[in-house]
Amino acid sequence: MLSSSSPPHDELLDARGLMCPMPVLKAKKALRNVKTGGILKVLATDPGSVADMKSFCEMTGNHLLSSDQDGDVFIYHIEKSTD
């Protein structure tokens, strides 16, 4: 069950069922719709997305606020740092 204490978000990306590198590519595209300082919430089922999202944020300068797991779903909150 998803926690109600989950950080608020401006945009939701459901990447469940997609395999590497699609969750990261879709997150990159979805971040275009998020204003600087806004939050993108990503849902993914690919275990490889854990390392991929961390690397993606480090390379793009965005901030990975949280990386959680709920059953087989990985939940990420990414703060857009730059346009």
N, C-alpha and C. Protein backbone atom coordinates (compact mmCIF):
# COMPACT_ATOMS: atom_id res chain seq x y z
N MET A 1 0.84 -1.19 0.00
CA MET A 1 0.00 0.00 0.00
C MET A 1 0.88 1.24 0.00
N LEU A 2 0.56 2.19 -0.85
CA LEU A 2 1.35 3.41 -0.93
C LEU A 2 1.09 4.28 0.28
N SER A 3 2.15 4.84 0.79
CA SER A 3 2.07 5.67 2.00
C SER A 3 1.40 7.00 1.71
N SER A 4 0.57 7.45 2.61
CA SER A 4 -0.05 8.76 2.45
C SER A 4 0.93 9.87 2.79
N SER A 5 2.10 9.50 3.34
CA SER A 5 3.12 10.49 3.65
C SER A 5 4.05 10.72 2.45
N SER A 6 3.68 10.16 1.31
CA SER A 6 4.44 10.34 0.09
C SER A 6 4.53 11.81 -0.25
N PRO A 7 5.72 12.28 -0.68
CA PRO A 7 5.85 13.71 -1.01
C PRO A 7 4.86 14.12 -2.11
N PRO A 8 4.42 15.36 -2.10
CA PRO A 8 3.53 15.83 -3.17
C PRO A 8 4.30 15.85 -4.50
N HIS A 9 3.57 15.78 -5.60
CA HIS A 9 4.22 15.80 -6.90
C HIS A 9 3.39 16.61 -7.88
N ASP A 10 4.07 17.11 -8.92
CA ASP A 10 3.42 17.92 -9.94
C ASP A 10 3.03 17.10 -11.16
N GLU A 11 3.75 16.01 -11.38
CA GLU A 11 3.53 15.18 -12.56
C GLU A 11 3.75 13.73 -12.15
N LEU A 12 2.97 12.81 -12.72
CA LEU A 12 3.10 11.38 -12.43
C LEU A 12 3.44 10.64 -13.71
N LEU A 13 4.47 9.80 -13.65
CA LEU A 13 4.84 8.94 -14.77
C LEU A 13 4.68 7.50 -14.33
N ASP A 14 3.80 6.78 -15.00
CA ASP A 14 3.61 5.35 -14.73
C ASP A 14 4.42 4.57 -15.75
N ALA A 15 5.60 4.11 -15.33
CA ALA A 15 6.48 3.35 -16.22
C ALA A 15 6.49 1.87 -15.83
N ARG A 16 5.46 1.43 -15.13
CA ARG A 16 5.38 0.02 -14.74
C ARG A 16 5.28 -0.85 -15.98
N GLY A 17 6.01 -1.95 -15.97
CA GLY A 17 6.01 -2.88 -17.09
C GLY A 17 7.04 -2.55 -18.16
N LEU A 18 7.69 -1.40 -18.06
CA LEU A 18 8.71 -1.02 -19.03
C LEU A 18 10.09 -1.44 -18.52
N MET A 19 10.92 -1.90 -19.45
CA MET A 19 12.26 -2.33 -19.09
C MET A 19 13.28 -1.28 -19.51
N CYS A 20 14.45 -1.37 -18.91
CA CYS A 20 15.57 -0.47 -19.18
C CYS A 20 15.80 -0.39 -20.70
N PRO A 21 15.98 0.78 -21.22
CA PRO A 21 16.16 2.08 -20.57
C PRO A 21 14.88 2.92 -20.57
N MET A 22 13.74 2.33 -20.87
CA MET A 22 12.50 3.10 -21.05
C MET A 22 12.07 3.92 -19.84
N PRO A 23 12.14 3.42 -18.59
CA PRO A 23 11.72 4.28 -17.48
C PRO A 23 12.51 5.60 -17.41
N VAL A 24 13.82 5.53 -17.64
CA VAL A 24 14.64 6.74 -17.59
C VAL A 24 14.33 7.65 -18.79
N LEU A 25 14.18 7.07 -19.97
CA LEU A 25 13.86 7.88 -21.16
C LEU A 25 12.51 8.56 -21.01
N LYS A 26 11.54 7.85 -20.46
CA LYS A 26 10.22 8.44 -20.24
C LYS A 26 10.28 9.52 -19.15
N ALA A 27 11.12 9.30 -18.12
CA ALA A 27 11.27 10.30 -17.06
C ALA A 27 11.90 11.57 -17.64
N LYS A 28 12.89 11.41 -18.49
CA LYS A 28 13.54 12.56 -19.12
C LYS A 28 12.51 13.39 -19.90
N LYS A 29 11.67 12.69 -20.65
CA LYS A 29 10.63 13.36 -21.44
C LYS A 29 9.59 14.02 -20.52
N ALA A 30 9.16 13.32 -19.48
CA ALA A 30 8.13 13.84 -18.57
C ALA A 30 8.63 15.08 -17.82
N LEU A 31 9.92 15.15 -17.54
CA LEU A 31 10.47 16.30 -16.82
C LEU A 31 10.35 17.58 -17.63
N ARG A 32 10.20 17.46 -18.94
CA ARG A 32 10.00 18.66 -19.77
C ARG A 32 8.71 19.39 -19.39
N ASN A 33 7.74 18.65 -18.86
CA ASN A 33 6.44 19.22 -18.48
C ASN A 33 6.41 19.73 -17.05
N VAL A 34 7.53 19.58 -16.33
CA VAL A 34 7.60 19.98 -14.93
C VAL A 34 8.41 21.27 -14.83
N LYS A 35 7.88 22.22 -14.08
CA LYS A 35 8.60 23.49 -13.90
C LYS A 35 9.81 23.28 -12.99
N THR A 36 10.80 24.15 -13.10
CA THR A 36 11.97 24.09 -12.22
C THR A 36 11.51 24.13 -10.77
N GLY A 37 12.00 23.20 -9.97
CA GLY A 37 11.60 23.09 -8.57
C GLY A 37 10.41 22.17 -8.38
N GLY A 38 9.79 21.74 -9.48
CA GLY A 38 8.64 20.83 -9.41
C GLY A 38 9.10 19.39 -9.21
N ILE A 39 8.14 18.53 -8.88
CA ILE A 39 8.44 17.14 -8.56
C ILE A 39 7.76 16.20 -9.56
N LEU A 40 8.56 15.28 -10.09
CA LEU A 40 8.05 14.20 -10.93
C LEU A 40 8.05 12.92 -10.10
N LYS A 41 6.90 12.27 -10.01
CA LYS A 41 6.81 10.97 -9.34
C LYS A 41 6.82 9.90 -10.42
N VAL A 42 7.71 8.92 -10.27
CA VAL A 42 7.84 7.85 -11.24
C VAL A 42 7.54 6.51 -10.57
N LEU A 43 6.69 5.72 -11.22
CA LEU A 43 6.42 4.35 -10.78
C LEU A 43 7.05 3.42 -11.80
N ALA A 44 7.85 2.45 -11.36
CA ALA A 44 8.52 1.53 -12.27
C ALA A 44 8.58 0.14 -11.64
N THR A 45 8.66 -0.88 -12.48
CA THR A 45 8.78 -2.26 -11.97
C THR A 45 10.12 -2.88 -12.34
N ASP A 46 10.92 -2.21 -13.14
CA ASP A 46 12.23 -2.73 -13.55
C ASP A 46 13.22 -2.53 -12.41
N PRO A 47 13.76 -3.63 -11.83
CA PRO A 47 14.73 -3.49 -10.74
C PRO A 47 15.96 -2.68 -11.15
N GLY A 48 16.30 -2.67 -12.42
CA GLY A 48 17.43 -1.89 -12.90
C GLY A 48 17.20 -0.40 -12.82
N SER A 49 15.93 0.00 -12.65
CA SER A 49 15.62 1.43 -12.59
C SER A 49 16.20 2.09 -11.35
N VAL A 50 16.50 1.30 -10.31
CA VAL A 50 17.05 1.88 -9.08
C VAL A 50 18.38 2.56 -9.38
N ALA A 51 19.29 1.84 -9.99
CA ALA A 51 20.60 2.42 -10.34
C ALA A 51 20.45 3.44 -11.47
N ASP A 52 19.56 3.15 -12.42
CA ASP A 52 19.38 4.03 -13.57
C ASP A 52 18.88 5.41 -13.17
N MET A 53 17.88 5.48 -12.29
CA MET A 53 17.33 6.77 -11.87
C MET A 53 18.37 7.58 -11.11
N LYS A 54 19.13 6.90 -10.26
CA LYS A 54 20.19 7.58 -9.51
C LYS A 54 21.21 8.18 -10.47
N SER A 55 21.66 7.40 -11.43
CA SER A 55 22.65 7.88 -12.41
C SER A 55 22.07 8.99 -13.27
N PHE A 56 20.82 8.82 -13.69
CA PHE A 56 20.15 9.83 -14.51
C PHE A 56 20.13 11.18 -13.80
N CYS A 57 19.75 11.16 -12.52
CA CYS A 57 19.68 12.41 -11.76
C CYS A 57 21.06 13.03 -11.57
N GLU A 58 22.06 12.20 -11.31
CA GLU A 58 23.42 12.71 -11.14
C GLU A 58 23.91 13.35 -12.44
N MET A 59 23.62 12.73 -13.58
CA MET A 59 24.11 13.23 -14.87
C MET A 59 23.36 14.48 -15.33
N THR A 60 22.09 14.61 -14.96
CA THR A 60 21.29 15.73 -15.45
C THR A 60 21.21 16.89 -14.46
N GLY A 61 21.69 16.68 -13.24
CA GLY A 61 21.63 17.74 -12.24
C GLY A 61 20.31 17.84 -11.52
N ASN A 62 19.39 16.91 -11.79
CA ASN A 62 18.13 16.87 -11.06
C ASN A 62 18.37 16.16 -9.72
N HIS A 63 17.45 16.36 -8.78
CA HIS A 63 17.64 15.84 -7.42
C HIS A 63 16.69 14.68 -7.17
N LEU A 64 17.25 13.50 -6.87
CA LEU A 64 16.43 12.35 -6.51
C LEU A 64 16.06 12.49 -5.03
N LEU A 65 14.83 12.94 -4.79
CA LEU A 65 14.38 13.20 -3.42
C LEU A 65 14.16 11.92 -2.64
N SER A 66 13.59 10.90 -3.32
CA SER A 66 13.34 9.63 -2.64
C SER A 66 13.30 8.50 -3.65
N SER A 67 13.67 7.33 -3.15
CA SER A 67 13.64 6.10 -3.93
C SER A 67 13.12 5.03 -2.98
N ASP A 68 11.87 4.62 -3.19
CA ASP A 68 11.23 3.66 -2.30
C ASP A 68 10.73 2.46 -3.08
N GLN A 69 10.34 1.42 -2.36
CA GLN A 69 9.78 0.24 -3.00
C GLN A 69 8.52 -0.17 -2.27
N ASP A 70 7.48 -0.49 -3.04
CA ASP A 70 6.21 -0.97 -2.50
C ASP A 70 5.89 -2.26 -3.26
N GLY A 71 6.22 -3.40 -2.67
CA GLY A 71 6.06 -4.66 -3.37
C GLY A 71 7.02 -4.71 -4.54
N ASP A 72 6.49 -4.90 -5.75
CA ASP A 72 7.35 -4.94 -6.93
C ASP A 72 7.41 -3.60 -7.66
N VAL A 73 6.89 -2.55 -7.03
CA VAL A 73 6.89 -1.22 -7.65
C VAL A 73 7.93 -0.33 -6.97
N PHE A 74 8.77 0.26 -7.79
CA PHE A 74 9.76 1.23 -7.31
C PHE A 74 9.18 2.62 -7.52
N ILE A 75 9.31 3.47 -6.50
CA ILE A 75 8.69 4.79 -6.52
C ILE A 75 9.79 5.84 -6.34
N TYR A 76 9.86 6.75 -7.29
CA TYR A 76 10.89 7.80 -7.26
C TYR A 76 10.23 9.17 -7.25
N HIS A 77 10.83 10.08 -6.53
CA HIS A 77 10.41 11.48 -6.56
C HIS A 77 11.64 12.28 -7.00
N ILE A 78 11.53 12.93 -8.15
CA ILE A 78 12.64 13.66 -8.74
C ILE A 78 12.27 15.14 -8.79
N GLU A 79 13.14 15.97 -8.20
CA GLU A 79 12.95 17.42 -8.26
C GLU A 79 13.71 17.96 -9.45
N LYS A 80 12.99 18.67 -10.31
CA LYS A 80 13.63 19.26 -11.48
C LYS A 80 14.47 20.46 -11.04
N SER A 81 15.77 20.38 -11.31
CA SER A 81 16.69 21.42 -10.88
C SER A 81 16.89 22.51 -11.91
N THR A 82 16.88 22.13 -13.19
CA THR A 82 17.14 23.10 -14.26
C THR A 82 16.23 22.85 -15.44
N ASP A 83 16.09 23.85 -16.28
CA ASP A 83 15.32 23.69 -17.51
C ASP A 83 16.20 23.22 -18.64
